[in-house]
């Protein structure tokens, strides 16, 4: 997978996510598979439990099924998954 500004349009459910930075100390280092997504929250399956992570307060490190790794600030991912298809970001870096 080529990493471009279109990364926000990808499906995150089913990917592996790890929290690398966060304002909430309980989120740091948390990892698991993304099992759900709403406008403001990712739900991760971590150690047999579902953990809800607020997108706005974390930086996520995703590993996609093809082995691609990417780190994304959750502030960019705020919004319903279907609305992110319409979202346009000129440049992420």
C-alpha atoms as a PDB file:
ATOM      1  CA  UNK A   1       0.000   0.000   0.000  1.00  0.00           C
ATOM      2  CA  UNK A   2       1.320   3.419  -0.902  1.00  0.00           C
ATOM      3  CA  UNK A   3       1.025   5.901   1.955  1.00  0.00           C
ATOM      4  CA  UNK A   4      -0.504   9.152   0.709  1.00  0.00           C
ATOM      5  CA  UNK A   5      -2.935  11.740   2.013  1.00  0.00           C
ATOM      6  CA  UNK A   6      -5.704   9.307   0.965  1.00  0.00           C
ATOM      7  CA  UNK A   7      -4.841   7.131   3.983  1.00  0.00           C
ATOM      8  CA  UNK A   8      -7.769   8.663   5.889  1.00  0.00           C
ATOM      9  CA  UNK A   9     -10.147   7.076   3.381  1.00  0.00           C
ATOM     10  CA  UNK A  10      -9.059   3.507   4.210  1.00  0.00           C
ATOM     11  CA  UNK A  11     -11.057   1.090   6.319  1.00  0.00           C
ATOM     12  CA  UNK A  12      -9.550   0.813   9.802  1.00  0.00           C
ATOM     13  CA  UNK A  13     -11.785  -1.969  11.131  1.00  0.00           C
ATOM     14  CA  UNK A  14      -9.745  -5.158  11.181  1.00  0.00           C
ATOM     15  CA  UNK A  15      -6.365  -3.439  11.421  1.00  0.00           C
ATOM     16  CA  UNK A  16      -4.032  -3.657  14.377  1.00  0.00           C
ATOM     17  CA  UNK A  17      -3.652  -0.404  16.286  1.00  0.00           C
ATOM     18  CA  UNK A  18      -1.337   0.780  19.039  1.00  0.00           C
ATOM     19  CA  UNK A  19      -1.543   4.057  20.952  1.00  0.00           C
ATOM     20  CA  UNK A  20       1.859   5.773  20.753  1.00  0.00           C
ATOM     21  CA  UNK A  21       1.020   9.208  22.229  1.00  0.00           C
ATOM     22  CA  UNK A  22      -1.970  10.349  24.240  1.00  0.00           C
ATOM     23  CA  UNK A  23      -3.205  13.017  26.641  1.00  0.00           C
ATOM     24  CA  UNK A  24      -4.833  10.211  28.641  1.00  0.00           C
ATOM     25  CA  UNK A  25      -2.199   8.184  30.499  1.00  0.00           C
ATOM     26  CA  UNK A  26      -4.386   5.058  30.491  1.00  0.00           C
ATOM     27  CA  UNK A  27      -4.267   4.866  26.685  1.00  0.00           C
ATOM     28  CA  UNK A  28      -0.469   4.808  26.300  1.00  0.00           C
ATOM     29  CA  UNK A  29       0.858   1.516  24.974  1.00  0.00           C
ATOM     30  CA  UNK A  30      -2.616   0.043  24.525  1.00  0.00           C
ATOM     31  CA  UNK A  31      -2.833  -2.151  21.449  1.00  0.00           C
ATOM     32  CA  UNK A  32      -5.286  -4.489  19.775  1.00  0.00           C
ATOM     33  CA  UNK A  33      -7.445  -5.026  16.745  1.00  0.00           C
ATOM     34  CA  UNK A  34      -9.908  -2.322  15.709  1.00  0.00           C
ATOM     35  CA  UNK A  35     -13.375  -3.859  15.998  1.00  0.00           C
ATOM     36  CA  UNK A  36     -15.524  -0.748  15.755  1.00  0.00           C
ATOM     37  CA  UNK A  37     -15.515   2.899  14.804  1.00  0.00           C
ATOM     38  CA  UNK A  38     -17.850   5.805  15.414  1.00  0.00           C
ATOM     39  CA  UNK A  39     -17.495   9.521  14.776  1.00  0.00           C
ATOM     40  CA  UNK A  40     -15.205  10.123  17.767  1.00  0.00           C
ATOM     41  CA  UNK A  41     -14.192   6.666  19.030  1.00  0.00           C
ATOM     42  CA  UNK A  42     -12.224   3.600  17.942  1.00  0.00           C
ATOM     43  CA  UNK A  43     -13.066   0.377  19.755  1.00  0.00           C
ATOM     44  CA  UNK A  44     -10.107  -1.974  20.190  1.00  0.00           C
ATOM     45  CA  UNK A  45     -10.185  -5.651  21.196  1.00  0.00           C
ATOM     46  CA  UNK A  46      -7.332  -5.767  23.709  1.00  0.00           C
ATOM     47  CA  UNK A  47      -6.629  -8.749  25.969  1.00  0.00           C
ATOM     48  CA  UNK A  48     -10.152 -10.107  25.529  1.00  0.00           C
ATOM     49  CA  UNK A  49     -11.851  -6.813  26.392  1.00  0.00           C
ATOM     50  CA  UNK A  50     -13.283  -4.031  24.247  1.00  0.00           C
ATOM     51  CA  UNK A  51     -11.576  -0.700  24.942  1.00  0.00           C
ATOM     52  CA  UNK A  52     -12.970   2.585  23.631  1.00  0.00           C
ATOM     53  CA  UNK A  53     -10.354   5.134  22.607  1.00  0.00           C
ATOM     54  CA  UNK A  54     -11.269   8.747  21.891  1.00  0.00           C
ATOM     55  CA  UNK A  55      -9.743   9.670  18.519  1.00  0.00           C
ATOM     56  CA  UNK A  56      -9.042  13.281  19.467  1.00  0.00           C
ATOM     57  CA  UNK A  57      -6.782  12.372  22.380  1.00  0.00           C
ATOM     58  CA  UNK A  58      -4.434   9.829  20.797  1.00  0.00           C
ATOM     59  CA  UNK A  59      -1.890   9.166  18.069  1.00  0.00           C
ATOM     60  CA  UNK A  60      -2.431   5.748  16.496  1.00  0.00           C
ATOM     61  CA  UNK A  61       0.108   3.391  14.941  1.00  0.00           C
ATOM     62  CA  UNK A  62      -1.815   1.175  12.494  1.00  0.00           C
ATOM     63  CA  UNK A  63      -0.627  -2.057  10.886  1.00  0.00           C
ATOM     64  CA  UNK A  64      -2.711  -2.919   7.839  1.00  0.00           C
ATOM     65  CA  UNK A  65      -3.312  -6.457   6.566  1.00  0.00           C
ATOM     66  CA  UNK A  66      -0.695  -6.074   3.811  1.00  0.00           C
ATOM     67  CA  UNK A  67       1.996  -5.251   6.396  1.00  0.00           C
ATOM     68  CA  UNK A  68       2.010  -1.478   5.896  1.00  0.00           C
ATOM     69  CA  UNK A  69       2.650   0.534   9.067  1.00  0.00           C
ATOM     70  CA  UNK A  70       1.504   4.113   9.469  1.00  0.00           C
ATOM     71  CA  UNK A  71       1.196   6.541  12.378  1.00  0.00           C
ATOM     72  CA  UNK A  72      -1.765   8.927  12.276  1.00  0.00           C
ATOM     73  CA  UNK A  73      -2.925  11.638  14.652  1.00  0.00           C
ATOM     74  CA  UNK A  74      -6.470  10.832  15.737  1.00  0.00           C
ATOM     75  CA  UNK A  75      -7.543  14.450  15.160  1.00  0.00           C
ATOM     76  CA  UNK A  76      -7.322  13.796  11.414  1.00  0.00           C
ATOM     77  CA  UNK A  77      -9.595  10.745  11.727  1.00  0.00           C
ATOM     78  CA  UNK A  78     -12.469  12.476  13.534  1.00  0.00           C
ATOM     79  CA  UNK A  79     -15.724  11.981  11.698  1.00  0.00           C
ATOM     80  CA  UNK A  80     -17.936   9.143  10.617  1.00  0.00           C
ATOM     81  CA  UNK A  81     -16.142   6.617   8.414  1.00  0.00           C
ATOM     82  CA  UNK A  82     -18.476   7.338   5.493  1.00  0.00           C
ATOM     83  CA  UNK A  83     -17.852  11.095   5.791  1.00  0.00           C
ATOM     84  CA  UNK A  84     -14.074  10.640   5.671  1.00  0.00           C
ATOM     85  CA  UNK A  85     -14.461   9.553   2.044  1.00  0.00           C
ATOM     86  CA  UNK A  86     -15.476  13.114   1.204  1.00  0.00           C
ATOM     87  CA  UNK A  87     -12.789  14.721   3.351  1.00  0.00           C
ATOM     88  CA  UNK A  88      -9.827  16.209   1.517  1.00  0.00           C
ATOM     89  CA  UNK A  89      -6.428  16.753   3.127  1.00  0.00           C
ATOM     90  CA  UNK A  90      -3.855  18.401   0.934  1.00  0.00           C
ATOM     91  CA  UNK A  91      -0.794  17.247   2.834  1.00  0.00           C
ATOM     92  CA  UNK A  92      -0.118  15.231   5.986  1.00  0.00           C
ATOM     93  CA  UNK A  93       3.634  15.886   6.239  1.00  0.00           C
END
